[in-house]
Amino acid sequence: MKRKMTLPNKITLVRAALAIIMFLLMIVQTPITLICASLIFAFAASTDWVDGKIARSTNSYTPFGAIVDPFVDKILVGAAFFAFTEIAYLDVPVWAVFFIILRELMVSTLRVLAALNNKVLAAERWGKFKTTFQLIALGVIFFIADIYALMQLTSGTFQWYMCYIYYILKVLVYPITVITAIITCLSAITYLKNNWEMLKESWSLPVNE
């Protein structure tokens, strides 16, 4: 019997490719590539909502989508935050990004353990809120980075306005990254609580008494 990849899964794979392209553009650190990266991020983030809506409306859920879709979200978010730590004028705290990535790796490990037990680790409400907040936070940071890029690409009065806006908004970068890290770590508590028995079973062996 022939099998065909579902449209939501195709969109998920496209989002993964876009995340890689976005990261490569960001590390070049030129004004043009950064603006292009922000546009790619905005489009890639929107596809997360699109593939979910299509999957629900067509009832085309698959084990691949249940595992890979949230994993690709982590690639997109992690790549953006990691690249931002290399952009000095944004002042994104490395320690906060470390905890964001650490939490994502932990939940990804839980998903693998669930798969090994023939289970699918469903997205928790806190997890969905966390992802939404991460994307909003990154959108804000991208906007501030784009303002700085426009400041470099323009001159005269427009450049002065861009400079003014940048120095007003720049102070948001550090706290919004820290808040994102806190929310991201707190969201892990629900996953640990709901899957604690599975976790204990995975690291232990039966004891003969």
N, C-alpha and C. Protein backbone atom coordinates (compact mmCIF):
# COMPACT_ATOMS: atom_id res chain seq x y z
N MET A 1 0.85 -1.20 0.00
CA MET A 1 0.00 0.00 0.00
C MET A 1 0.89 1.25 0.00
N LYS A 2 0.61 2.14 -0.94
CA LYS A 2 1.38 3.37 -1.04
C LYS A 2 1.01 4.32 0.09
N ARG A 3 2.01 5.04 0.54
CA ARG A 3 1.79 6.04 1.59
C ARG A 3 2.25 7.41 1.09
N LYS A 4 1.56 8.42 1.54
CA LYS A 4 1.87 9.78 1.11
C LYS A 4 2.01 10.67 2.34
N MET A 5 3.09 11.45 2.37
CA MET A 5 3.30 12.36 3.49
C MET A 5 2.19 13.39 3.54
N THR A 6 1.68 13.64 4.73
CA THR A 6 0.59 14.59 4.88
C THR A 6 1.10 16.02 4.69
N LEU A 7 0.19 16.90 4.33
CA LEU A 7 0.55 18.31 4.12
C LEU A 7 1.10 18.95 5.39
N PRO A 8 0.51 18.72 6.58
CA PRO A 8 1.09 19.32 7.79
C PRO A 8 2.54 18.89 8.03
N ASN A 9 2.86 17.62 7.73
CA ASN A 9 4.23 17.16 7.91
C ASN A 9 5.18 17.80 6.90
N LYS A 10 4.70 18.03 5.69
CA LYS A 10 5.52 18.72 4.69
C LYS A 10 5.83 20.16 5.15
N ILE A 11 4.80 20.80 5.71
CA ILE A 11 4.99 22.17 6.20
C ILE A 11 5.98 22.18 7.36
N THR A 12 5.90 21.18 8.21
CA THR A 12 6.84 21.07 9.33
C THR A 12 8.27 20.96 8.84
N LEU A 13 8.51 20.15 7.82
CA LEU A 13 9.86 19.99 7.27
C LEU A 13 10.35 21.27 6.61
N VAL A 14 9.43 21.99 5.97
CA VAL A 14 9.79 23.29 5.38
C VAL A 14 10.21 24.25 6.48
N ARG A 15 9.49 24.22 7.60
CA ARG A 15 9.85 25.09 8.73
C ARG A 15 11.23 24.76 9.26
N ALA A 16 11.58 23.49 9.29
CA ALA A 16 12.92 23.09 9.74
C ALA A 16 14.00 23.65 8.81
N ALA A 17 13.75 23.57 7.51
CA ALA A 17 14.70 24.11 6.54
C ALA A 17 14.83 25.62 6.68
N LEU A 18 13.70 26.29 6.89
CA LEU A 18 13.72 27.75 7.07
C LEU A 18 14.50 28.15 8.32
N ALA A 19 14.39 27.33 9.38
CA ALA A 19 15.12 27.63 10.61
C ALA A 19 16.63 27.60 10.37
N ILE A 20 17.08 26.65 9.57
CA ILE A 20 18.51 26.55 9.26
C ILE A 20 18.97 27.74 8.43
N ILE A 21 18.17 28.09 7.42
CA ILE A 21 18.51 29.25 6.57
C ILE A 21 18.54 30.52 7.41
N MET A 22 17.54 30.68 8.28
CA MET A 22 17.49 31.85 9.16
C MET A 22 18.75 31.96 10.01
N PHE A 23 19.16 30.84 10.60
CA PHE A 23 20.35 30.83 11.46
C PHE A 23 21.59 31.24 10.68
N LEU A 24 21.76 30.70 9.49
CA LEU A 24 22.92 31.03 8.67
C LEU A 24 22.95 32.51 8.30
N LEU A 25 21.79 33.06 8.00
CA LEU A 25 21.71 34.49 7.68
C LEU A 25 22.04 35.35 8.91
N MET A 26 21.61 34.90 10.07
CA MET A 26 21.84 35.68 11.28
C MET A 26 23.31 35.75 11.66
N ILE A 27 24.02 34.65 11.51
CA ILE A 27 25.42 34.64 11.94
C ILE A 27 26.32 35.42 10.99
N VAL A 28 25.82 35.74 9.79
CA VAL A 28 26.59 36.60 8.89
C VAL A 28 26.67 38.02 9.46
N GLN A 29 25.61 38.42 10.14
CA GLN A 29 25.55 39.69 10.88
C GLN A 29 25.74 40.93 10.00
N THR A 30 25.09 40.95 8.86
CA THR A 30 25.01 42.17 8.07
C THR A 30 23.58 42.69 8.17
N PRO A 31 23.37 43.98 7.98
CA PRO A 31 22.00 44.52 8.09
C PRO A 31 21.00 43.82 7.17
N ILE A 32 21.40 43.57 5.93
CA ILE A 32 20.48 42.96 4.97
C ILE A 32 20.14 41.53 5.36
N THR A 33 21.16 40.74 5.72
CA THR A 33 20.90 39.34 6.07
C THR A 33 20.06 39.24 7.34
N LEU A 34 20.25 40.18 8.25
CA LEU A 34 19.47 40.15 9.49
C LEU A 34 18.00 40.46 9.22
N ILE A 35 17.75 41.42 8.35
CA ILE A 35 16.36 41.75 7.99
C ILE A 35 15.72 40.56 7.27
N CYS A 36 16.49 39.92 6.38
CA CYS A 36 15.97 38.73 5.69
C CYS A 36 15.67 37.61 6.68
N ALA A 37 16.56 37.44 7.66
CA ALA A 37 16.36 36.41 8.68
C ALA A 37 15.09 36.66 9.48
N SER A 38 14.81 37.93 9.79
CA SER A 38 13.61 38.26 10.55
C SER A 38 12.35 37.95 9.75
N LEU A 39 12.39 38.19 8.45
CA LEU A 39 11.24 37.87 7.60
C LEU A 39 11.03 36.36 7.52
N ILE A 40 12.12 35.62 7.41
CA ILE A 40 12.03 34.16 7.38
C ILE A 40 11.49 33.64 8.69
N PHE A 41 11.94 34.22 9.82
CA PHE A 41 11.44 33.80 11.12
C PHE A 41 9.94 34.02 11.22
N ALA A 42 9.48 35.20 10.79
CA ALA A 42 8.05 35.51 10.87
C ALA A 42 7.23 34.51 10.05
N PHE A 43 7.72 34.18 8.86
CA PHE A 43 7.01 33.23 8.01
C PHE A 43 7.04 31.83 8.61
N ALA A 44 8.22 31.42 9.10
CA ALA A 44 8.36 30.07 9.68
C ALA A 44 7.48 29.93 10.91
N ALA A 45 7.45 30.97 11.75
CA ALA A 45 6.62 30.91 12.96
C ALA A 45 5.14 30.78 12.61
N SER A 46 4.72 31.45 11.54
CA SER A 46 3.32 31.39 11.14
C SER A 46 2.94 30.00 10.64
N THR A 47 3.90 29.26 10.07
CA THR A 47 3.59 27.92 9.57
C THR A 47 3.28 26.95 10.70
N ASP A 48 3.75 27.25 11.91
CA ASP A 48 3.44 26.38 13.05
C ASP A 48 1.93 26.39 13.31
N TRP A 49 1.32 27.56 13.18
CA TRP A 49 -0.13 27.66 13.35
C TRP A 49 -0.85 27.02 12.17
N VAL A 50 -0.30 27.19 10.97
CA VAL A 50 -0.95 26.68 9.76
C VAL A 50 -0.99 25.16 9.76
N ASP A 51 0.15 24.50 10.03
CA ASP A 51 0.14 23.03 9.96
C ASP A 51 -0.74 22.42 11.06
N GLY A 52 -0.80 23.10 12.22
CA GLY A 52 -1.69 22.61 13.27
C GLY A 52 -3.15 22.72 12.88
N LYS A 53 -3.50 23.85 12.25
CA LYS A 53 -4.89 24.05 11.83
C LYS A 53 -5.29 23.04 10.76
N ILE A 54 -4.38 22.80 9.81
CA ILE A 54 -4.67 21.84 8.75
C ILE A 54 -4.83 20.43 9.33
N ALA A 55 -3.93 20.07 10.26
CA ALA A 55 -4.00 18.73 10.87
C ALA A 55 -5.32 18.54 11.60
N ARG A 56 -5.79 19.59 12.30
CA ARG A 56 -7.06 19.48 13.04
C ARG A 56 -8.26 19.42 12.09
N SER A 57 -8.23 20.25 11.06
CA SER A 57 -9.38 20.33 10.15
C SER A 57 -9.51 19.10 9.25
N THR A 58 -8.40 18.45 8.96
CA THR A 58 -8.42 17.28 8.08
C THR A 58 -8.23 15.97 8.84
N ASN A 59 -8.09 16.08 10.17
CA ASN A 59 -7.87 14.90 11.00
C ASN A 59 -6.69 14.08 10.49
N SER A 60 -5.60 14.76 10.19
CA SER A 60 -4.42 14.09 9.61
C SER A 60 -3.26 14.07 10.60
N TYR A 61 -3.56 13.70 11.84
CA TYR A 61 -2.51 13.57 12.85
C TYR A 61 -1.68 12.31 12.56
N THR A 62 -0.38 12.42 12.75
CA THR A 62 0.51 11.26 12.57
C THR A 62 1.51 11.23 13.72
N PRO A 63 2.06 10.04 14.03
CA PRO A 63 3.10 9.97 15.06
C PRO A 63 4.31 10.86 14.72
N PHE A 64 4.64 10.92 13.43
CA PHE A 64 5.75 11.77 12.98
C PHE A 64 5.49 13.23 13.34
N GLY A 65 4.28 13.69 13.03
CA GLY A 65 3.95 15.08 13.32
C GLY A 65 3.93 15.37 14.81
N ALA A 66 3.42 14.41 15.60
CA ALA A 66 3.34 14.62 17.05
C ALA A 66 4.71 14.79 17.67
N ILE A 67 5.72 14.10 17.12
CA ILE A 67 7.08 14.16 17.67
C ILE A 67 7.91 15.24 16.99
N VAL A 68 7.88 15.30 15.67
CA VAL A 68 8.77 16.18 14.92
C VAL A 68 8.32 17.64 14.96
N ASP A 69 7.00 17.89 14.96
CA ASP A 69 6.52 19.28 14.95
C ASP A 69 7.04 20.08 16.14
N PRO A 70 6.87 19.59 17.39
CA PRO A 70 7.42 20.35 18.51
C PRO A 70 8.94 20.40 18.50
N PHE A 71 9.58 19.35 17.96
CA PHE A 71 11.04 19.34 17.86
C PHE A 71 11.53 20.44 16.92
N VAL A 72 10.82 20.63 15.80
CA VAL A 72 11.19 21.68 14.85
C VAL A 72 10.97 23.06 15.46
N ASP A 73 9.92 23.20 16.27
CA ASP A 73 9.70 24.46 16.99
C ASP A 73 10.91 24.79 17.86
N LYS A 74 11.46 23.77 18.51
CA LYS A 74 12.62 23.95 19.35
C LYS A 74 13.85 24.35 18.53
N ILE A 75 13.98 23.79 17.34
CA ILE A 75 15.09 24.16 16.45
C ILE A 75 14.98 25.63 16.07
N LEU A 76 13.77 26.06 15.70
CA LEU A 76 13.56 27.45 15.28
C LEU A 76 13.87 28.41 16.42
N VAL A 77 13.32 28.13 17.59
CA VAL A 77 13.52 29.01 18.75
C VAL A 77 14.98 28.98 19.22
N GLY A 78 15.53 27.78 19.34
CA GLY A 78 16.90 27.65 19.82
C GLY A 78 17.91 28.29 18.88
N ALA A 79 17.70 28.11 17.58
CA ALA A 79 18.61 28.70 16.60
C ALA A 79 18.60 30.22 16.67
N ALA A 80 17.41 30.80 16.80
CA ALA A 80 17.29 32.26 16.86
C ALA A 80 17.95 32.82 18.12
N PHE A 81 17.61 32.23 19.27
CA PHE A 81 18.20 32.72 20.53
C PHE A 81 19.72 32.54 20.53
N PHE A 82 20.18 31.39 20.05
CA PHE A 82 21.62 31.12 20.04
C PHE A 82 22.35 32.13 19.16
N ALA A 83 21.79 32.40 17.99
CA ALA A 83 22.42 33.37 17.08
C ALA A 83 22.41 34.78 17.67
N PHE A 84 21.34 35.11 18.39
CA PHE A 84 21.25 36.45 19.00
C PHE A 84 22.34 36.67 20.05
N THR A 85 22.79 35.60 20.72
CA THR A 85 23.84 35.77 21.72
C THR A 85 25.15 36.23 21.10
N GLU A 86 25.29 36.03 19.79
CA GLU A 86 26.51 36.44 19.09
C GLU A 86 26.44 37.87 18.59
N ILE A 87 25.28 38.51 18.72
CA ILE A 87 25.11 39.89 18.26
C ILE A 87 25.27 40.81 19.46
N ALA A 88 26.42 41.43 19.57
CA ALA A 88 26.80 42.16 20.77
C ALA A 88 25.85 43.31 21.11
N TYR A 89 25.36 44.03 20.10
CA TYR A 89 24.56 45.23 20.38
C TYR A 89 23.16 44.92 20.91
N LEU A 90 22.80 43.62 20.98
CA LEU A 90 21.48 43.26 21.49
C LEU A 90 21.51 42.89 22.97
N ASP A 91 22.65 42.44 23.46
CA ASP A 91 22.79 42.11 24.88
C ASP A 91 21.83 41.01 25.32
N VAL A 92 21.76 39.93 24.55
CA VAL A 92 20.96 38.77 24.93
C VAL A 92 21.79 37.92 25.89
N PRO A 93 21.29 37.68 27.13
CA PRO A 93 22.09 36.94 28.12
C PRO A 93 22.28 35.47 27.74
N VAL A 94 23.53 35.05 27.68
CA VAL A 94 23.85 33.68 27.28
C VAL A 94 23.29 32.68 28.29
N TRP A 95 23.35 33.02 29.58
CA TRP A 95 22.90 32.07 30.62
C TRP A 95 21.41 31.77 30.48
N ALA A 96 20.62 32.78 30.11
CA ALA A 96 19.18 32.57 29.95
C ALA A 96 18.91 31.66 28.75
N VAL A 97 19.65 31.88 27.68
CA VAL A 97 19.50 31.03 26.48
C VAL A 97 19.90 29.59 26.80
N PHE A 98 20.93 29.44 27.63
CA PHE A 98 21.36 28.09 28.03
C PHE A 98 20.22 27.34 28.71
N PHE A 99 19.52 28.00 29.64
CA PHE A 99 18.43 27.33 30.35
C PHE A 99 17.24 27.06 29.43
N ILE A 100 17.02 27.94 28.46
CA ILE A 100 15.96 27.70 27.47
C ILE A 100 16.25 26.43 26.69
N ILE A 101 17.48 26.31 26.19
CA ILE A 101 17.87 25.15 25.40
C ILE A 101 17.90 23.89 26.26
N LEU A 102 18.35 24.03 27.52
CA LEU A 102 18.40 22.88 28.44
C LEU A 102 17.00 22.31 28.66
N ARG A 103 16.03 23.19 28.88
CA ARG A 103 14.65 22.73 29.08
C ARG A 103 14.13 22.02 27.85
N GLU A 104 14.41 22.57 26.68
CA GLU A 104 13.91 21.98 25.45
C GLU A 104 14.51 20.60 25.22
N LEU A 105 15.79 20.44 25.55
CA LEU A 105 16.43 19.13 25.41
C LEU A 105 15.82 18.13 26.38
N MET A 106 15.48 18.59 27.57
CA MET A 106 14.88 17.71 28.57
C MET A 106 13.52 17.18 28.10
N VAL A 107 12.68 18.08 27.60
CA VAL A 107 11.35 17.66 27.14
C VAL A 107 11.48 16.78 25.89
N SER A 108 12.45 17.07 25.03
CA SER A 108 12.67 16.23 23.86
C SER A 108 13.07 14.82 24.29
N THR A 109 13.85 14.72 25.37
CA THR A 109 14.23 13.40 25.91
C THR A 109 12.99 12.66 26.41
N LEU A 110 12.08 13.38 27.07
CA LEU A 110 10.84 12.76 27.52
C LEU A 110 10.03 12.23 26.34
N ARG A 111 10.04 12.97 25.24
CA ARG A 111 9.30 12.52 24.05
C ARG A 111 9.89 11.23 23.49
N VAL A 112 11.22 11.15 23.50
CA VAL A 112 11.89 9.92 23.02
C VAL A 112 11.54 8.75 23.92
N LEU A 113 11.59 8.97 25.25
CA LEU A 113 11.25 7.90 26.19
C LEU A 113 9.80 7.46 26.01
N ALA A 114 8.91 8.42 25.78
CA ALA A 114 7.51 8.08 25.54
C ALA A 114 7.37 7.24 24.28
N ALA A 115 8.10 7.62 23.23
CA ALA A 115 8.04 6.87 21.97
C ALA A 115 8.55 5.45 22.16
N LEU A 116 9.60 5.28 22.97
CA LEU A 116 10.13 3.94 23.24
C LEU A 116 9.12 3.09 24.00
N ASN A 117 8.20 3.74 24.71
CA ASN A 117 7.13 3.04 25.43
C ASN A 117 5.82 3.03 24.65
N ASN A 118 5.92 3.28 23.33
CA ASN A 118 4.75 3.29 22.45
C ASN A 118 3.70 4.30 22.88
N LYS A 119 4.17 5.44 23.37
CA LYS A 119 3.28 6.52 23.76
C LYS A 119 3.66 7.79 23.00
N VAL A 120 2.73 8.71 22.93
CA VAL A 120 2.98 10.01 22.33
C VAL A 120 2.83 11.06 23.41
N LEU A 121 3.88 11.84 23.63
CA LEU A 121 3.84 12.88 24.65
C LEU A 121 3.10 14.09 24.09
N ALA A 122 1.86 14.24 24.51
CA ALA A 122 1.05 15.34 23.98
C ALA A 122 1.53 16.68 24.53
N ALA A 123 1.30 17.73 23.74
CA ALA A 123 1.69 19.08 24.16
C ALA A 123 0.80 19.52 25.32
N GLU A 124 1.43 19.99 26.39
CA GLU A 124 0.69 20.50 27.54
C GLU A 124 0.27 21.95 27.28
N ARG A 125 -0.73 22.41 28.04
CA ARG A 125 -1.18 23.79 27.91
C ARG A 125 -0.06 24.78 28.22
N TRP A 126 0.71 24.47 29.26
CA TRP A 126 1.85 25.32 29.61
C TRP A 126 2.87 25.33 28.48
N GLY A 127 3.05 24.16 27.85
CA GLY A 127 4.01 24.06 26.76
C GLY A 127 3.61 24.93 25.58
N LYS A 128 2.31 24.94 25.28
CA LYS A 128 1.82 25.76 24.16
C LYS A 128 1.98 27.25 24.49
N PHE A 129 1.68 27.61 25.74
CA PHE A 129 1.86 29.01 26.16
C PHE A 129 3.33 29.40 26.08
N LYS A 130 4.20 28.48 26.52
CA LYS A 130 5.64 28.73 26.47
C LYS A 130 6.12 29.00 25.05
N THR A 131 5.68 28.17 24.12
CA THR A 131 6.09 28.34 22.72
C THR A 131 5.59 29.67 22.16
N THR A 132 4.34 30.01 22.47
CA THR A 132 3.79 31.28 22.00
C THR A 132 4.58 32.46 22.56
N PHE A 133 4.92 32.40 23.84
CA PHE A 133 5.68 33.49 24.47
C PHE A 133 7.08 33.58 23.87
N GLN A 134 7.69 32.42 23.60
CA GLN A 134 9.02 32.41 22.99
C GLN A 134 9.00 33.11 21.63
N LEU A 135 7.99 32.78 20.82
CA LEU A 135 7.90 33.37 19.48
C LEU A 135 7.65 34.87 19.55
N ILE A 136 6.81 35.29 20.51
CA ILE A 136 6.56 36.73 20.67
C ILE A 136 7.84 37.44 21.11
N ALA A 137 8.56 36.85 22.08
CA ALA A 137 9.80 37.45 22.56
C ALA A 137 10.82 37.57 21.43
N LEU A 138 10.94 36.53 20.64
CA LEU A 138 11.87 36.57 19.51
C LEU A 138 11.43 37.60 18.48
N GLY A 139 10.12 37.73 18.28
CA GLY A 139 9.62 38.74 17.36
C GLY A 139 10.01 40.14 17.80
N VAL A 140 9.93 40.40 19.11
CA VAL A 140 10.32 41.70 19.65
C VAL A 140 11.81 41.94 19.44
N ILE A 141 12.62 40.92 19.74
CA ILE A 141 14.08 41.08 19.58
C ILE A 141 14.45 41.26 18.11
N PHE A 142 13.80 40.52 17.23
CA PHE A 142 14.04 40.70 15.80
C PHE A 142 13.69 42.12 15.36
N PHE A 143 12.58 42.64 15.88
CA PHE A 143 12.16 44.00 15.53
C PHE A 143 13.23 45.01 15.96
N ILE A 144 13.75 44.86 17.16
CA ILE A 144 14.79 45.76 17.65
C ILE A 144 16.05 45.63 16.80
N ALA A 145 16.40 44.40 16.43
CA ALA A 145 17.57 44.18 15.57
C ALA A 145 17.37 44.81 14.20
N ASP A 146 16.14 44.73 13.69
CA ASP A 146 15.85 45.34 12.39
C ASP A 146 15.94 46.86 12.45
N ILE A 147 15.53 47.43 13.58
CA ILE A 147 15.66 48.88 13.76
C ILE A 147 17.14 49.28 13.70
N TYR A 148 17.99 48.48 14.36
CA TYR A 148 19.43 48.75 14.33
C TYR A 148 19.97 48.60 12.90
N ALA A 149 19.47 47.59 12.18
CA ALA A 149 19.91 47.38 10.80
C ALA A 149 19.52 48.57 9.92
N LEU A 150 18.29 49.06 10.08
CA LEU A 150 17.84 50.22 9.31
C LEU A 150 18.65 51.46 9.67
N MET A 151 19.07 51.54 10.91
CA MET A 151 19.90 52.65 11.36
C MET A 151 21.22 52.66 10.61
N GLN A 152 21.73 51.47 10.29
CA GLN A 152 22.99 51.36 9.56
C GLN A 152 22.81 51.59 8.06
N LEU A 153 21.63 51.29 7.56
CA LEU A 153 21.40 51.37 6.11
C LEU A 153 20.91 52.73 5.65
N THR A 154 20.50 53.59 6.58
CA THR A 154 19.91 54.87 6.20
C THR A 154 20.78 56.03 6.67
N SER A 155 20.31 57.21 6.40
CA SER A 155 21.04 58.41 6.80
C SER A 155 20.05 59.55 7.05
N GLY A 156 20.55 60.63 7.58
CA GLY A 156 19.72 61.82 7.78
C GLY A 156 18.70 61.66 8.88
N THR A 157 17.53 62.28 8.66
CA THR A 157 16.48 62.31 9.68
C THR A 157 15.95 60.91 10.00
N PHE A 158 15.76 60.10 8.96
CA PHE A 158 15.24 58.75 9.19
C PHE A 158 16.20 57.94 10.06
N GLN A 159 17.49 58.07 9.81
CA GLN A 159 18.49 57.37 10.61
C GLN A 159 18.43 57.83 12.07
N TRP A 160 18.20 59.12 12.27
CA TRP A 160 18.12 59.65 13.63
C TRP A 160 16.92 59.05 14.36
N TYR A 161 15.79 58.93 13.66
CA TYR A 161 14.61 58.32 14.27
C TYR A 161 14.86 56.85 14.62
N MET A 162 15.50 56.13 13.70
CA MET A 162 15.82 54.72 13.96
C MET A 162 16.74 54.59 15.17
N CYS A 163 17.71 55.46 15.28
CA CYS A 163 18.64 55.45 16.40
C CYS A 163 17.90 55.72 17.71
N TYR A 164 16.99 56.66 17.68
CA TYR A 164 16.20 57.03 18.86
C TYR A 164 15.34 55.85 19.31
N ILE A 165 14.66 55.22 18.35
CA ILE A 165 13.78 54.09 18.68
C ILE A 165 14.60 52.92 19.22
N TYR A 166 15.76 52.68 18.59
CA TYR A 166 16.61 51.56 19.01
C TYR A 166 17.04 51.71 20.47
N TYR A 167 17.51 52.88 20.86
CA TYR A 167 18.00 53.07 22.22
C TYR A 167 16.88 53.07 23.26
N ILE A 168 15.66 53.35 22.83
CA ILE A 168 14.51 53.22 23.74
C ILE A 168 14.14 51.76 23.95
N LEU A 169 14.12 50.99 22.85
CA LEU A 169 13.66 49.61 22.91
C LEU A 169 14.74 48.62 23.34
N LYS A 170 15.99 49.00 23.20
CA LYS A 170 17.08 48.07 23.51
C LYS A 170 16.99 47.51 24.92
N VAL A 171 16.51 48.31 25.87
CA VAL A 171 16.45 47.89 27.27
C VAL A 171 15.48 46.71 27.47
N LEU A 172 14.63 46.43 26.49
CA LEU A 172 13.67 45.33 26.61
C LEU A 172 14.31 43.97 26.37
N VAL A 173 15.43 43.94 25.66
CA VAL A 173 16.00 42.67 25.22
C VAL A 173 16.38 41.77 26.40
N TYR A 174 17.14 42.31 27.33
CA TYR A 174 17.61 41.49 28.46
C TYR A 174 16.45 40.94 29.30
N PRO A 175 15.54 41.80 29.79
CA PRO A 175 14.45 41.27 30.63
C PRO A 175 13.51 40.33 29.90
N ILE A 176 13.24 40.58 28.63
CA ILE A 176 12.30 39.70 27.93
C ILE A 176 12.92 38.32 27.70
N THR A 177 14.25 38.26 27.54
CA THR A 177 14.92 36.97 27.41
C THR A 177 14.90 36.23 28.74
N VAL A 178 15.13 36.94 29.83
CA VAL A 178 15.10 36.32 31.16
C VAL A 178 13.71 35.80 31.48
N ILE A 179 12.69 36.60 31.21
CA ILE A 179 11.31 36.17 31.47
C ILE A 179 10.97 34.93 30.63
N THR A 180 11.44 34.92 29.39
CA THR A 180 11.23 33.76 28.52
C THR A 180 11.89 32.52 29.11
N ALA A 181 13.10 32.67 29.63
CA ALA A 181 13.80 31.54 30.24
C ALA A 181 13.04 31.02 31.46
N ILE A 182 12.51 31.92 32.27
CA ILE A 182 11.77 31.52 33.47
C ILE A 182 10.50 30.75 33.08
N ILE A 183 9.74 31.30 32.13
CA ILE A 183 8.50 30.64 31.69
C ILE A 183 8.82 29.29 31.06
N THR A 184 9.89 29.25 30.28
CA THR A 184 10.30 28.01 29.62
C THR A 184 10.63 26.93 30.63
N CYS A 185 11.39 27.29 31.67
CA CYS A 185 11.75 26.31 32.70
C CYS A 185 10.55 25.90 33.54
N LEU A 186 9.67 26.84 33.87
CA LEU A 186 8.48 26.52 34.66
C LEU A 186 7.57 25.55 33.91
N SER A 187 7.52 25.70 32.58
CA SER A 187 6.65 24.83 31.79
C SER A 187 7.10 23.38 31.83
N ALA A 188 8.38 23.16 32.18
CA ALA A 188 8.89 21.79 32.25
C ALA A 188 8.31 21.03 33.44
N ILE A 189 7.87 21.77 34.47
CA ILE A 189 7.34 21.13 35.68
C ILE A 189 6.12 20.27 35.36
N THR A 190 5.24 20.79 34.50
CA THR A 190 4.03 20.04 34.13
C THR A 190 4.39 18.75 33.43
N TYR A 191 5.35 18.82 32.51
CA TYR A 191 5.77 17.61 31.79
C TYR A 191 6.36 16.58 32.75
N LEU A 192 7.19 17.03 33.69
CA LEU A 192 7.79 16.11 34.65
C LEU A 192 6.73 15.49 35.56
N LYS A 193 5.80 16.31 36.00
CA LYS A 193 4.74 15.82 36.90
C LYS A 193 3.87 14.78 36.21
N ASN A 194 3.45 15.06 34.97
CA ASN A 194 2.54 14.16 34.26
C ASN A 194 3.21 12.90 33.73
N ASN A 195 4.55 12.91 33.67
CA ASN A 195 5.26 11.75 33.11
C ASN A 195 6.28 11.18 34.09
N TRP A 196 6.08 11.48 35.37
CA TRP A 196 7.05 11.04 36.38
C TRP A 196 7.12 9.51 36.48
N GLU A 197 5.97 8.84 36.42
CA GLU A 197 5.97 7.38 36.53
C GLU A 197 6.70 6.75 35.34
N MET A 198 6.46 7.28 34.16
CA MET A 198 7.16 6.78 32.97
C MET A 198 8.66 6.99 33.10
N LEU A 199 9.04 8.15 33.66
CA LEU A 199 10.46 8.46 33.83
C LEU A 199 11.11 7.49 34.82
N LYS A 200 10.41 7.20 35.92
CA LYS A 200 10.96 6.26 36.91
C LYS A 200 11.11 4.86 36.32
N GLU A 201 10.12 4.45 35.52
CA GLU A 201 10.20 3.13 34.89
C GLU A 201 11.37 3.04 33.92
N SER A 202 11.68 4.16 33.27
CA SER A 202 12.73 4.14 32.26
C SER A 202 14.13 4.08 32.84
N TRP A 203 14.30 4.55 34.11
CA TRP A 203 15.66 4.54 34.66
C TRP A 203 15.88 3.45 35.71
N SER A 204 14.90 2.57 35.87
CA SER A 204 15.04 1.54 36.89
C SER A 204 14.69 0.16 36.32
N LEU A 205 15.02 -0.88 37.09
CA LEU A 205 14.70 -2.25 36.74
C LEU A 205 13.91 -2.87 37.88
N PRO A 206 13.08 -3.86 37.59
CA PRO A 206 12.31 -4.53 38.66
C PRO A 206 13.25 -5.17 39.68
N VAL A 207 12.84 -5.11 40.93
CA VAL A 207 13.62 -5.69 42.02
C VAL A 207 12.89 -6.89 42.59
N ASN A 208 13.57 -8.04 42.63
CA ASN A 208 12.97 -9.23 43.22
C ASN A 208 13.11 -9.18 44.74
N GLU A 209 11.99 -9.21 45.42
CA GLU A 209 12.01 -9.14 46.88
C GLU A 209 11.85 -10.54 47.50
